[in-house]
Amino acid sequence: LQAVDPKEFAPSLLPAFGRENALLAAGD
């Protein structure tokens, strides 16, 4: 994984949802 600009990132992220391959994580 490499750092990318968040402003350019969001549109490519959205198709992942509804396909059950995204994880939400919280903690430390």
PDB file of all heavy atoms in Angstrom:
ATOM      1  N   LEU A   1       0.829  -1.203   0.000  1.00  0.00           N
ATOM      2  CA  LEU A   1       0.000   0.000   0.000  1.00  0.00           C
ATOM      3  C   LEU A   1       0.862   1.252   0.000  1.00  0.00           C
ATOM      4  O   LEU A   1       1.819   1.356   0.762  1.00  0.00           O
ATOM      5  CB  LEU A   1      -0.909   0.009   1.229  1.00  0.00           C
ATOM      6  CG  LEU A   1      -2.003  -1.046   1.245  1.00  0.00           C
ATOM      7  CD1 LEU A   1      -2.631  -1.134   2.630  1.00  0.00           C
ATOM      8  CD2 LEU A   1      -3.059  -0.734   0.214  1.00  0.00           C
ATOM      9  N   GLN A   2       0.483   2.207  -0.837  1.00  0.00           N
ATOM     10  CA  GLN A   2       1.197   3.468  -0.929  1.00  0.00           C
ATOM     11  C   GLN A   2       0.221   4.608  -0.666  1.00  0.00           C
ATOM     12  O   GLN A   2      -0.950   4.527  -1.039  1.00  0.00           O
ATOM     13  CB  GLN A   2       1.810   3.630  -2.324  1.00  0.00           C
ATOM     14  CG  GLN A   2       2.769   2.520  -2.714  1.00  0.00           C
ATOM     15  CD  GLN A   2       3.966   2.424  -1.776  1.00  0.00           C
ATOM     16  OE1 GLN A   2       4.554   3.430  -1.405  1.00  0.00           O
ATOM     17  NE2 GLN A   2       4.319   1.211  -1.379  1.00  0.00           N
ATOM     18  N   ALA A   3       0.694   5.681  -0.057  1.00  0.00           N
ATOM     19  CA  ALA A   3      -0.144   6.843   0.206  1.00  0.00           C
ATOM     20  C   ALA A   3      -0.608   7.452  -1.111  1.00  0.00           C
ATOM     21  O   ALA A   3       0.154   7.519  -2.079  1.00  0.00           O
ATOM     22  CB  ALA A   3       0.636   7.869   1.024  1.00  0.00           C
ATOM     23  N   VAL A   4      -1.884   7.878  -1.149  1.00  0.00           N
ATOM     24  CA  VAL A   4      -2.458   8.541  -2.323  1.00  0.00           C
ATOM     25  C   VAL A   4      -3.250   9.753  -1.845  1.00  0.00           C
ATOM     26  O   VAL A   4      -3.554   9.890  -0.662  1.00  0.00           O
ATOM     27  CB  VAL A   4      -3.377   7.595  -3.143  1.00  0.00           C
ATOM     28  CG1 VAL A   4      -2.571   6.452  -3.739  1.00  0.00           C
ATOM     29  CG2 VAL A   4      -4.519   7.055  -2.302  1.00  0.00           C
ATOM     30  N   ASP A   5      -3.606  10.629  -2.779  1.00  0.00           N
ATOM     31  CA  ASP A   5      -4.378  11.822  -2.471  1.00  0.00           C
ATOM     32  C   ASP A   5      -5.837  11.440  -2.231  1.00  0.00           C
ATOM     33  O   ASP A   5      -6.498  10.918  -3.128  1.00  0.00           O
ATOM     34  CB  ASP A   5      -4.285  12.800  -3.647  1.00  0.00           C
ATOM     35  CG  ASP A   5      -5.007  14.112  -3.390  1.00  0.00           C
ATOM     36  OD1 ASP A   5      -5.747  14.224  -2.392  1.00  0.00           O
ATOM     37  OD2 ASP A   5      -4.827  15.029  -4.208  1.00  0.00           O
ATOM     38  N   PRO A   6      -6.368  11.686  -1.023  1.00  0.00           N
ATOM     39  CA  PRO A   6      -7.760  11.316  -0.727  1.00  0.00           C
ATOM     40  C   PRO A   6      -8.773  11.925  -1.691  1.00  0.00           C
ATOM     41  O   PRO A   6      -9.793  11.322  -1.990  1.00  0.00           O
ATOM     42  CB  PRO A   6      -7.991  11.842   0.693  1.00  0.00           C
ATOM     43  CG  PRO A   6      -6.644  11.940   1.295  1.00  0.00           C
ATOM     44  CD  PRO A   6      -5.709  12.266   0.151  1.00  0.00           C
ATOM     45  N   LYS A   7      -8.508  13.124  -2.218  1.00  0.00           N
ATOM     46  CA  LYS A   7      -9.454  13.774  -3.126  1.00  0.00           C
ATOM     47  C   LYS A   7      -9.622  12.995  -4.434  1.00  0.00           C
ATOM     48  O   LYS A   7     -10.668  13.041  -5.048  1.00  0.00           O
ATOM     49  CB  LYS A   7      -9.008  15.203  -3.422  1.00  0.00           C
ATOM     50  CG  LYS A   7      -9.088  16.130  -2.212  1.00  0.00           C
ATOM     51  CD  LYS A   7      -8.736  17.546  -2.551  1.00  0.00           C
ATOM     52  CE  LYS A   7      -7.313  17.743  -2.893  1.00  0.00           C
ATOM     53  NZ  LYS A   7      -6.310  17.906  -1.929  1.00  0.00           N
ATOM     54  N   GLU A   8      -8.598  12.272  -4.838  1.00  0.00           N
ATOM     55  CA  GLU A   8      -8.650  11.498  -6.080  1.00  0.00           C
ATOM     56  C   GLU A   8      -9.148  10.079  -5.832  1.00  0.00           C
ATOM     57  O   GLU A   8      -9.428   9.339  -6.763  1.00  0.00           O
ATOM     58  CB  GLU A   8      -7.252  11.438  -6.703  1.00  0.00           C
ATOM     59  CG  GLU A   8      -6.611  12.781  -6.941  1.00  0.00           C
ATOM     60  CD  GLU A   8      -7.406  13.639  -7.904  1.00  0.00           C
ATOM     61  OE1 GLU A   8      -7.958  13.082  -8.872  1.00  0.00           O
ATOM     62  OE2 GLU A   8      -7.500  14.857  -7.670  1.00  0.00           O
ATOM     63  N   PHE A   9      -9.269   9.713  -4.596  1.00  0.00           N
ATOM     64  CA  PHE A   9      -9.492   8.331  -4.203  1.00  0.00           C
ATOM     65  C   PHE A   9     -10.953   7.912  -4.106  1.00  0.00           C
ATOM     66  O   PHE A   9     -11.327   6.815  -4.469  1.00  0.00           O
ATOM     67  CB  PHE A   9      -8.805   8.142  -2.851  1.00  0.00           C
ATOM     68  CG  PHE A   9      -8.768   6.750  -2.352  1.00  0.00           C
ATOM     69  CD1 PHE A   9      -7.942   5.817  -2.945  1.00  0.00           C
ATOM     70  CD2 PHE A   9      -9.529   6.367  -1.276  1.00  0.00           C
ATOM     71  CE1 PHE A   9      -7.881   4.530  -2.477  1.00  0.00           C
ATOM     72  CE2 PHE A   9      -9.481   5.074  -0.798  1.00  0.00           C
ATOM     73  CZ  PHE A   9      -8.650   4.153  -1.401  1.00  0.00           C
ATOM     74  N   ALA A  10     -11.816   8.785  -3.612  1.00  0.00           N
ATOM     75  CA  ALA A  10     -13.199   8.428  -3.279  1.00  0.00           C
ATOM     76  C   ALA A  10     -13.968   7.766  -4.418  1.00  0.00           C
ATOM     77  O   ALA A  10     -14.621   6.752  -4.198  1.00  0.00           O
ATOM     78  CB  ALA A  10     -13.960   9.643  -2.752  1.00  0.00           C
ATOM     79  N   PRO A  11     -13.943   8.277  -5.649  1.00  0.00           N
ATOM     80  CA  PRO A  11     -14.746   7.627  -6.697  1.00  0.00           C
ATOM     81  C   PRO A  11     -14.368   6.165  -6.950  1.00  0.00           C
ATOM     82  O   PRO A  11     -15.234   5.347  -7.225  1.00  0.00           O
ATOM     83  CB  PRO A  11     -14.463   8.481  -7.940  1.00  0.00           C
ATOM     84  CG  PRO A  11     -14.068   9.809  -7.399  1.00  0.00           C
ATOM     85  CD  PRO A  11     -13.327   9.507  -6.110  1.00  0.00           C
ATOM     86  N   SER A  12     -13.114   5.806  -6.804  1.00  0.00           N
ATOM     87  CA  SER A  12     -12.705   4.420  -7.047  1.00  0.00           C
ATOM     88  C   SER A  12     -13.047   3.505  -5.874  1.00  0.00           C
ATOM     89  O   SER A  12     -13.067   2.292  -6.018  1.00  0.00           O
ATOM     90  CB  SER A  12     -11.208   4.350  -7.344  1.00  0.00           C
ATOM     91  OG  SER A  12     -10.460   4.701  -6.210  1.00  0.00           O
ATOM     92  N   LEU A  13     -13.344   4.079  -4.728  1.00  0.00           N
ATOM     93  CA  LEU A  13     -13.677   3.307  -3.543  1.00  0.00           C
ATOM     94  C   LEU A  13     -15.127   2.840  -3.540  1.00  0.00           C
ATOM     95  O   LEU A  13     -15.435   1.719  -3.141  1.00  0.00           O
ATOM     96  CB  LEU A  13     -13.421   4.170  -2.298  1.00  0.00           C
ATOM     97  CG  LEU A  13     -13.779   3.577  -0.950  1.00  0.00           C
ATOM     98  CD1 LEU A  13     -12.732   2.545  -0.562  1.00  0.00           C
ATOM     99  CD2 LEU A  13     -13.861   4.669   0.088  1.00  0.00           C
ATOM    100  N   LEU A  14     -16.032   3.666  -4.012  1.00  0.00           N
ATOM    101  CA  LEU A  14     -17.460   3.413  -3.863  1.00  0.00           C
ATOM    102  C   LEU A  14     -17.970   2.110  -4.475  1.00  0.00           C
ATOM    103  O   LEU A  14     -18.852   1.478  -3.887  1.00  0.00           O
ATOM    104  CB  LEU A  14     -18.255   4.612  -4.380  1.00  0.00           C
ATOM    105  CG  LEU A  14     -18.021   5.899  -3.573  1.00  0.00           C
ATOM    106  CD1 LEU A  14     -18.823   7.044  -4.157  1.00  0.00           C
ATOM    107  CD2 LEU A  14     -18.351   5.719  -2.110  1.00  0.00           C
ATOM    108  N   PRO A  15     -17.482   1.648  -5.615  1.00  0.00           N
ATOM    109  CA  PRO A  15     -17.999   0.386  -6.162  1.00  0.00           C
ATOM    110  C   PRO A  15     -17.768  -0.826  -5.257  1.00  0.00           C
ATOM    111  O   PRO A  15     -18.412  -1.852  -5.433  1.00  0.00           O
ATOM    112  CB  PRO A  15     -17.241   0.222  -7.480  1.00  0.00           C
ATOM    113  CG  PRO A  15     -16.837   1.595  -7.859  1.00  0.00           C
ATOM    114  CD  PRO A  15     -16.583   2.302  -6.554  1.00  0.00           C
ATOM    115  N   ALA A  16     -16.888  -0.718  -4.278  1.00  0.00           N
ATOM    116  CA  ALA A  16     -16.593  -1.848  -3.393  1.00  0.00           C
ATOM    117  C   ALA A  16     -17.748  -2.185  -2.473  1.00  0.00           C
ATOM    118  O   ALA A  16     -17.892  -3.321  -2.044  1.00  0.00           O
ATOM    119  CB  ALA A  16     -15.361  -1.537  -2.549  1.00  0.00           C
ATOM    120  N   PHE A  17     -18.609  -1.232  -2.188  1.00  0.00           N
ATOM    121  CA  PHE A  17     -19.661  -1.457  -1.202  1.00  0.00           C
ATOM    122  C   PHE A  17     -20.850  -2.165  -1.821  1.00  0.00           C
ATOM    123  O   PHE A  17     -21.211  -1.935  -2.951  1.00  0.00           O
ATOM    124  CB  PHE A  17     -20.029  -0.149  -0.513  1.00  0.00           C
ATOM    125  CG  PHE A  17     -18.831   0.404   0.179  1.00  0.00           C
ATOM    126  CD1 PHE A  17     -18.065   1.378  -0.414  1.00  0.00           C
ATOM    127  CD2 PHE A  17     -18.414  -0.142   1.373  1.00  0.00           C
ATOM    128  CE1 PHE A  17     -16.911   1.836   0.186  1.00  0.00           C
ATOM    129  CE2 PHE A  17     -17.261   0.314   1.992  1.00  0.00           C
ATOM    130  CZ  PHE A  17     -16.512   1.298   1.394  1.00  0.00           C
ATOM    131  N   GLY A  18     -21.426  -3.065  -1.009  1.00  0.00           N
ATOM    132  CA  GLY A  18     -22.504  -3.903  -1.500  1.00  0.00           C
ATOM    133  C   GLY A  18     -21.988  -5.221  -2.039  1.00  0.00           C
ATOM    134  O   GLY A  18     -22.752  -6.128  -2.324  1.00  0.00           O
ATOM    135  N   ARG A  19     -20.663  -5.357  -2.174  1.00  0.00           N
ATOM    136  CA  ARG A  19     -20.054  -6.612  -2.630  1.00  0.00           C
ATOM    137  C   ARG A  19     -19.454  -7.385  -1.466  1.00  0.00           C
ATOM    138  O   ARG A  19     -18.823  -8.407  -1.666  1.00  0.00           O
ATOM    139  CB  ARG A  19     -18.955  -6.321  -3.659  1.00  0.00           C
ATOM    140  CG  ARG A  19     -19.470  -5.776  -4.944  1.00  0.00           C
ATOM    141  CD  ARG A  19     -18.403  -5.736  -6.028  1.00  0.00           C
ATOM    142  NE  ARG A  19     -17.045  -5.704  -5.508  1.00  0.00           N
ATOM    143  CZ  ARG A  19     -16.089  -4.945  -5.990  1.00  0.00           C
ATOM    144  NH1 ARG A  19     -16.303  -4.155  -7.001  1.00  0.00           N
ATOM    145  NH2 ARG A  19     -14.879  -4.987  -5.469  1.00  0.00           N
ATOM    146  N   GLU A  20     -19.592  -6.871  -0.260  1.00  0.00           N
ATOM    147  CA  GLU A  20     -19.113  -7.526   0.959  1.00  0.00           C
ATOM    148  C   GLU A  20     -17.613  -7.785   0.970  1.00  0.00           C
ATOM    149  O   GLU A  20     -17.157  -8.845   1.354  1.00  0.00           O
ATOM    150  CB  GLU A  20     -19.888  -8.820   1.198  1.00  0.00           C
ATOM    151  CG  GLU A  20     -21.373  -8.599   1.392  1.00  0.00           C
ATOM    152  CD  GLU A  20     -22.125  -9.882   1.644  1.00  0.00           C
ATOM    153  OE1 GLU A  20     -21.519 -10.957   1.706  1.00  0.00           O
ATOM    154  OE2 GLU A  20     -23.343  -9.789   1.796  1.00  0.00           O
ATOM    155  N   ASN A  21     -16.833  -6.801   0.536  1.00  0.00           N
ATOM    156  CA  ASN A  21     -15.390  -6.968   0.648  1.00  0.00           C
ATOM    157  C   ASN A  21     -14.723  -5.748   1.277  1.00  0.00           C
ATOM    158  O   ASN A  21     -13.564  -5.478   1.034  1.00  0.00           O
ATOM    159  CB  ASN A  21     -14.756  -7.312  -0.699  1.00  0.00           C
ATOM    160  CG  ASN A  21     -14.871  -6.192  -1.705  1.00  0.00           C
ATOM    161  OD1 ASN A  21     -15.787  -5.393  -1.657  1.00  0.00           O
ATOM    162  ND2 ASN A  21     -13.929  -6.137  -2.632  1.00  0.00           N
ATOM    163  N   ALA A  22     -15.477  -5.023   2.103  1.00  0.00           N
ATOM    164  CA  ALA A  22     -14.915  -3.882   2.817  1.00  0.00           C
ATOM    165  C   ALA A  22     -14.995  -4.137   4.321  1.00  0.00           C
ATOM    166  O   ALA A  22     -15.984  -4.659   4.826  1.00  0.00           O
ATOM    167  CB  ALA A  22     -15.660  -2.602   2.460  1.00  0.00           C
ATOM    168  N   LEU A  23     -13.921  -3.762   5.012  1.00  0.00           N
ATOM    169  CA  LEU A  23     -13.863  -3.918   6.467  1.00  0.00           C
ATOM    170  C   LEU A  23     -13.772  -2.557   7.131  1.00  0.00           C
ATOM    171  O   LEU A  23     -12.961  -1.710   6.731  1.00  0.00           O
ATOM    172  CB  LEU A  23     -12.633  -4.728   6.882  1.00  0.00           C
ATOM    173  CG  LEU A  23     -12.578  -6.190   6.482  1.00  0.00           C
ATOM    174  CD1 LEU A  23     -11.248  -6.802   6.914  1.00  0.00           C
ATOM    175  CD2 LEU A  23     -13.744  -6.956   7.088  1.00  0.00           C
ATOM    176  N   LEU A  24     -14.578  -2.367   8.167  1.00  0.00           N
ATOM    177  CA  LEU A  24     -14.470  -1.221   9.041  1.00  0.00           C
ATOM    178  C   LEU A  24     -13.668  -1.677  10.252  1.00  0.00           C
ATOM    179  O   LEU A  24     -13.976  -2.722  10.830  1.00  0.00           O
ATOM    180  CB  LEU A  24     -15.866  -0.766   9.485  1.00  0.00           C
ATOM    181  CG  LEU A  24     -15.921   0.257  10.620  1.00  0.00           C
ATOM    182  CD1 LEU A  24     -15.308   1.580  10.195  1.00  0.00           C
ATOM    183  CD2 LEU A  24     -17.357   0.430  11.089  1.00  0.00           C
ATOM    184  N   ALA A  25     -12.640  -0.922  10.624  1.00  0.00           N
ATOM    185  CA  ALA A  25     -11.834  -1.269  11.796  1.00  0.00           C
ATOM    186  C   ALA A  25     -11.712  -0.049  12.701  1.00  0.00           C
ATOM    187  O   ALA A  25     -11.659   1.092  12.231  1.00  0.00           O
ATOM    188  CB  ALA A  25     -10.446  -1.757  11.383  1.00  0.00           C
ATOM    189  N   ALA A  26     -11.666  -0.319  13.998  1.00  0.00           N
ATOM    190  CA  ALA A  26     -11.473   0.742  14.989  1.00  0.00           C
ATOM    191  C   ALA A  26     -10.679   0.164  16.149  1.00  0.00           C
ATOM    192  O   ALA A  26     -10.655  -1.042  16.374  1.00  0.00           O
ATOM    193  CB  ALA A  26     -12.813   1.289  15.472  1.00  0.00           C
ATOM    194  N   GLY A  27     -10.039   1.042  16.877  1.00  0.00           N
ATOM    195  CA  GLY A  27      -9.206   0.645  17.995  1.00  0.00           C
ATOM    196  C   GLY A  27      -7.841   1.282  17.844  1.00  0.00           C
ATOM    197  O   GLY A  27      -7.679   2.310  17.186  1.00  0.00           O
ATOM    198  N   ASP A  28      -6.839   0.644  18.438  1.00  0.00           N
ATOM    199  CA  ASP A  28      -5.472   1.139  18.352  1.00  0.00           C
ATOM    200  C   ASP A  28      -4.515  -0.031  18.588  1.00  0.00           C
ATOM    201  O   ASP A  28      -4.934  -1.188  18.538  1.00  0.00           O
ATOM    202  CB  ASP A  28      -5.234   2.280  19.347  1.00  0.00           C
ATOM    203  CG  ASP A  28      -5.555   1.892  20.786  1.00  0.00           C
ATOM    204  OD1 ASP A  28      -5.438   0.695  21.143  1.00  0.00           O
ATOM    205  OD2 ASP A  28      -5.918   2.796  21.564  1.00  0.00           O
TER     206      ASP A  28
END
